[in-house]
N, C-alpha and C. Protein backbone atom coordinates (compact mmCIF):
# COMPACT_ATOMS: atom_id res chain seq x y z
N MET A 1 -218.83 -39.89 -136.19
CA MET A 1 -219.93 -39.06 -136.90
C MET A 1 -220.66 -39.87 -138.15
N LEU A 2 -221.71 -39.74 -137.92
CA LEU A 2 -222.39 -40.77 -139.01
C LEU A 2 -222.80 -39.49 -140.14
N SER A 3 -222.61 -40.02 -141.33
CA SER A 3 -223.16 -39.19 -142.50
C SER A 3 -224.53 -38.87 -142.53
N ALA A 4 -225.09 -37.84 -142.99
CA ALA A 4 -226.29 -37.39 -142.74
C ALA A 4 -227.50 -38.39 -143.38
N GLU A 5 -227.10 -38.89 -144.49
CA GLU A 5 -227.74 -39.96 -145.29
C GLU A 5 -227.82 -41.05 -144.47
N PHE A 6 -226.69 -41.61 -143.93
CA PHE A 6 -226.96 -42.87 -143.26
C PHE A 6 -227.88 -42.60 -141.74
N ALA A 7 -227.46 -41.50 -141.25
CA ALA A 7 -228.37 -41.07 -140.09
C ALA A 7 -230.04 -41.01 -140.52
N ASP A 8 -230.27 -40.30 -141.48
CA ASP A 8 -231.64 -40.46 -142.20
C ASP A 8 -231.99 -41.87 -142.46
N ASP A 9 -231.43 -42.72 -143.10
CA ASP A 9 -231.73 -44.14 -143.19
C ASP A 9 -231.92 -44.97 -142.15
N LEU A 10 -231.18 -44.77 -141.21
CA LEU A 10 -231.32 -45.44 -139.98
C LEU A 10 -232.66 -44.92 -139.10
N LEU A 11 -232.77 -43.73 -139.40
CA LEU A 11 -234.18 -43.36 -138.49
C LEU A 11 -235.33 -43.70 -139.51
N ALA A 12 -235.01 -44.00 -140.52
CA ALA A 12 -236.39 -44.53 -141.56
C ALA A 12 -236.60 -45.87 -140.90
N THR A 13 -235.84 -46.62 -140.31
CA THR A 13 -236.28 -47.82 -139.60
C THR A 13 -237.19 -47.71 -138.60
N GLY A 14 -237.32 -46.47 -137.83
CA GLY A 14 -238.38 -46.49 -136.90
C GLY A 14 -238.18 -47.34 -135.50
N GLU A 15 -238.86 -48.22 -135.03
CA GLU A 15 -238.75 -48.81 -134.06
C GLU A 15 -238.54 -50.12 -134.19
N GLU A 16 -238.09 -50.45 -135.52
CA GLU A 16 -237.69 -51.95 -135.71
C GLU A 16 -236.77 -52.35 -135.03
N VAL A 17 -236.42 -53.67 -134.64
CA VAL A 17 -235.48 -54.32 -134.19
C VAL A 17 -234.74 -54.84 -135.13
N LEU A 18 -233.32 -54.50 -135.39
CA LEU A 18 -232.73 -54.62 -136.51
C LEU A 18 -231.93 -56.06 -136.33
N THR A 19 -231.81 -56.68 -137.51
CA THR A 19 -231.33 -58.10 -137.42
C THR A 19 -230.44 -58.06 -138.63
N HIS A 20 -229.22 -58.91 -138.32
CA HIS A 20 -228.25 -59.16 -139.39
C HIS A 20 -228.03 -60.61 -139.49
N SER A 21 -227.79 -61.56 -140.24
CA SER A 21 -227.64 -62.84 -140.44
C SER A 21 -226.42 -63.05 -141.09
N ILE A 22 -225.55 -62.32 -141.78
CA ILE A 22 -224.38 -63.03 -142.38
C ILE A 22 -223.22 -62.80 -141.70
N GLY A 23 -223.20 -62.48 -140.32
CA GLY A 23 -221.92 -62.32 -139.66
C GLY A 23 -221.70 -63.76 -138.70
N GLU A 24 -220.93 -63.68 -137.68
CA GLU A 24 -220.46 -64.54 -136.98
C GLU A 24 -221.12 -64.52 -135.49
N GLN A 25 -221.74 -65.52 -134.89
CA GLN A 25 -222.20 -65.48 -133.55
C GLN A 25 -221.24 -65.89 -132.69
N ASP A 26 -220.05 -66.42 -133.00
CA ASP A 26 -218.68 -66.73 -132.13
C ASP A 26 -217.83 -65.59 -132.09
N PRO A 27 -217.84 -64.93 -130.93
CA PRO A 27 -217.13 -63.81 -130.94
C PRO A 27 -215.28 -64.00 -130.95
N ARG A 28 -215.11 -65.20 -131.00
CA ARG A 28 -213.62 -65.55 -131.38
C ARG A 28 -213.40 -65.71 -132.66
N LYS A 29 -214.47 -65.37 -133.60
CA LYS A 29 -214.32 -65.60 -135.20
C LYS A 29 -214.47 -64.24 -135.73
N THR A 30 -215.01 -63.37 -135.05
CA THR A 30 -215.11 -61.77 -135.74
C THR A 30 -215.09 -60.85 -134.70
N VAL A 31 -215.06 -59.55 -135.19
CA VAL A 31 -214.66 -58.27 -134.39
C VAL A 31 -215.94 -57.96 -134.01
N LEU A 32 -217.11 -58.09 -134.58
CA LEU A 32 -218.52 -57.89 -133.99
C LEU A 32 -219.63 -59.10 -134.11
N THR A 33 -220.04 -59.38 -133.18
CA THR A 33 -220.95 -60.77 -133.46
C THR A 33 -222.19 -59.82 -134.20
N GLU A 34 -223.23 -60.65 -134.66
CA GLU A 34 -224.37 -60.14 -135.17
C GLU A 34 -225.14 -59.17 -134.13
N ASP A 35 -225.19 -59.93 -133.04
CA ASP A 35 -225.93 -59.17 -132.03
C ASP A 35 -225.30 -57.59 -131.78
N GLU A 36 -223.96 -57.75 -131.40
CA GLU A 36 -223.29 -56.71 -131.12
C GLU A 36 -223.51 -55.51 -132.32
N PHE A 37 -223.26 -56.01 -133.49
CA PHE A 37 -223.40 -55.22 -134.63
C PHE A 37 -224.91 -54.33 -134.66
N CYS A 38 -225.92 -55.26 -134.36
CA CYS A 38 -227.22 -54.69 -134.45
C CYS A 38 -227.45 -53.96 -133.29
N SER A 39 -227.01 -54.21 -132.17
CA SER A 39 -226.97 -53.33 -131.02
C SER A 39 -226.42 -51.93 -131.10
N ARG A 40 -225.18 -51.92 -131.58
CA ARG A 40 -224.47 -50.55 -131.93
C ARG A 40 -225.63 -49.85 -132.82
N LEU A 41 -226.19 -50.35 -134.04
CA LEU A 41 -226.91 -49.54 -134.74
C LEU A 41 -228.18 -49.19 -134.16
N MET A 42 -228.73 -49.75 -133.29
CA MET A 42 -229.96 -49.37 -132.77
C MET A 42 -229.50 -48.36 -131.44
N ALA A 43 -228.47 -48.47 -131.03
CA ALA A 43 -227.96 -47.44 -130.12
C ALA A 43 -227.40 -46.16 -130.70
N ASN A 44 -227.00 -46.23 -131.87
CA ASN A 44 -226.92 -45.06 -132.62
C ASN A 44 -228.11 -44.36 -133.13
N ARG A 45 -229.32 -45.15 -133.35
CA ARG A 45 -230.52 -44.65 -133.78
C ARG A 45 -231.25 -43.68 -132.58
N SER A 46 -230.87 -44.40 -131.51
CA SER A 46 -231.33 -43.64 -130.04
C SER A 46 -230.85 -42.52 -129.97
N ARG A 47 -229.29 -42.50 -130.15
CA ARG A 47 -228.53 -40.93 -129.96
C ARG A 47 -228.93 -40.04 -130.93
N ILE A 48 -229.24 -40.25 -132.33
CA ILE A 48 -229.67 -39.71 -133.18
C ILE A 48 -230.91 -38.70 -133.09
N ARG A 49 -231.77 -39.91 -132.43
CA ARG A 49 -233.42 -39.56 -132.00
C ARG A 49 -233.24 -38.29 -130.86
N LYS A 50 -232.37 -38.51 -130.01
CA LYS A 50 -232.50 -37.99 -128.77
C LYS A 50 -231.78 -36.18 -129.22
N ALA A 51 -230.44 -36.50 -130.18
CA ALA A 51 -229.90 -35.17 -130.43
C ALA A 51 -231.16 -34.27 -131.37
N LEU A 52 -231.72 -34.96 -132.03
CA LEU A 52 -232.77 -34.16 -132.68
C LEU A 52 -233.72 -33.50 -131.88
N GLU A 53 -234.07 -34.29 -130.64
CA GLU A 53 -235.16 -33.67 -129.83
C GLU A 53 -234.48 -32.41 -129.05
N ALA A 54 -233.34 -32.50 -128.99
CA ALA A 54 -232.71 -31.49 -128.14
C ALA A 54 -232.73 -30.02 -128.74
């Protein structure tokens, strides 16, 4: 469950492709790579939008 404030902030990004440059690219060195982290954020953003449309 996301906090309401975080959900609002995520929705405020609109349709932008989210990026993050501080993480690792090598999956052996991190729990989530930069791409995995951003793709999860964007997936959550889509889920929030769909829930608001329902």
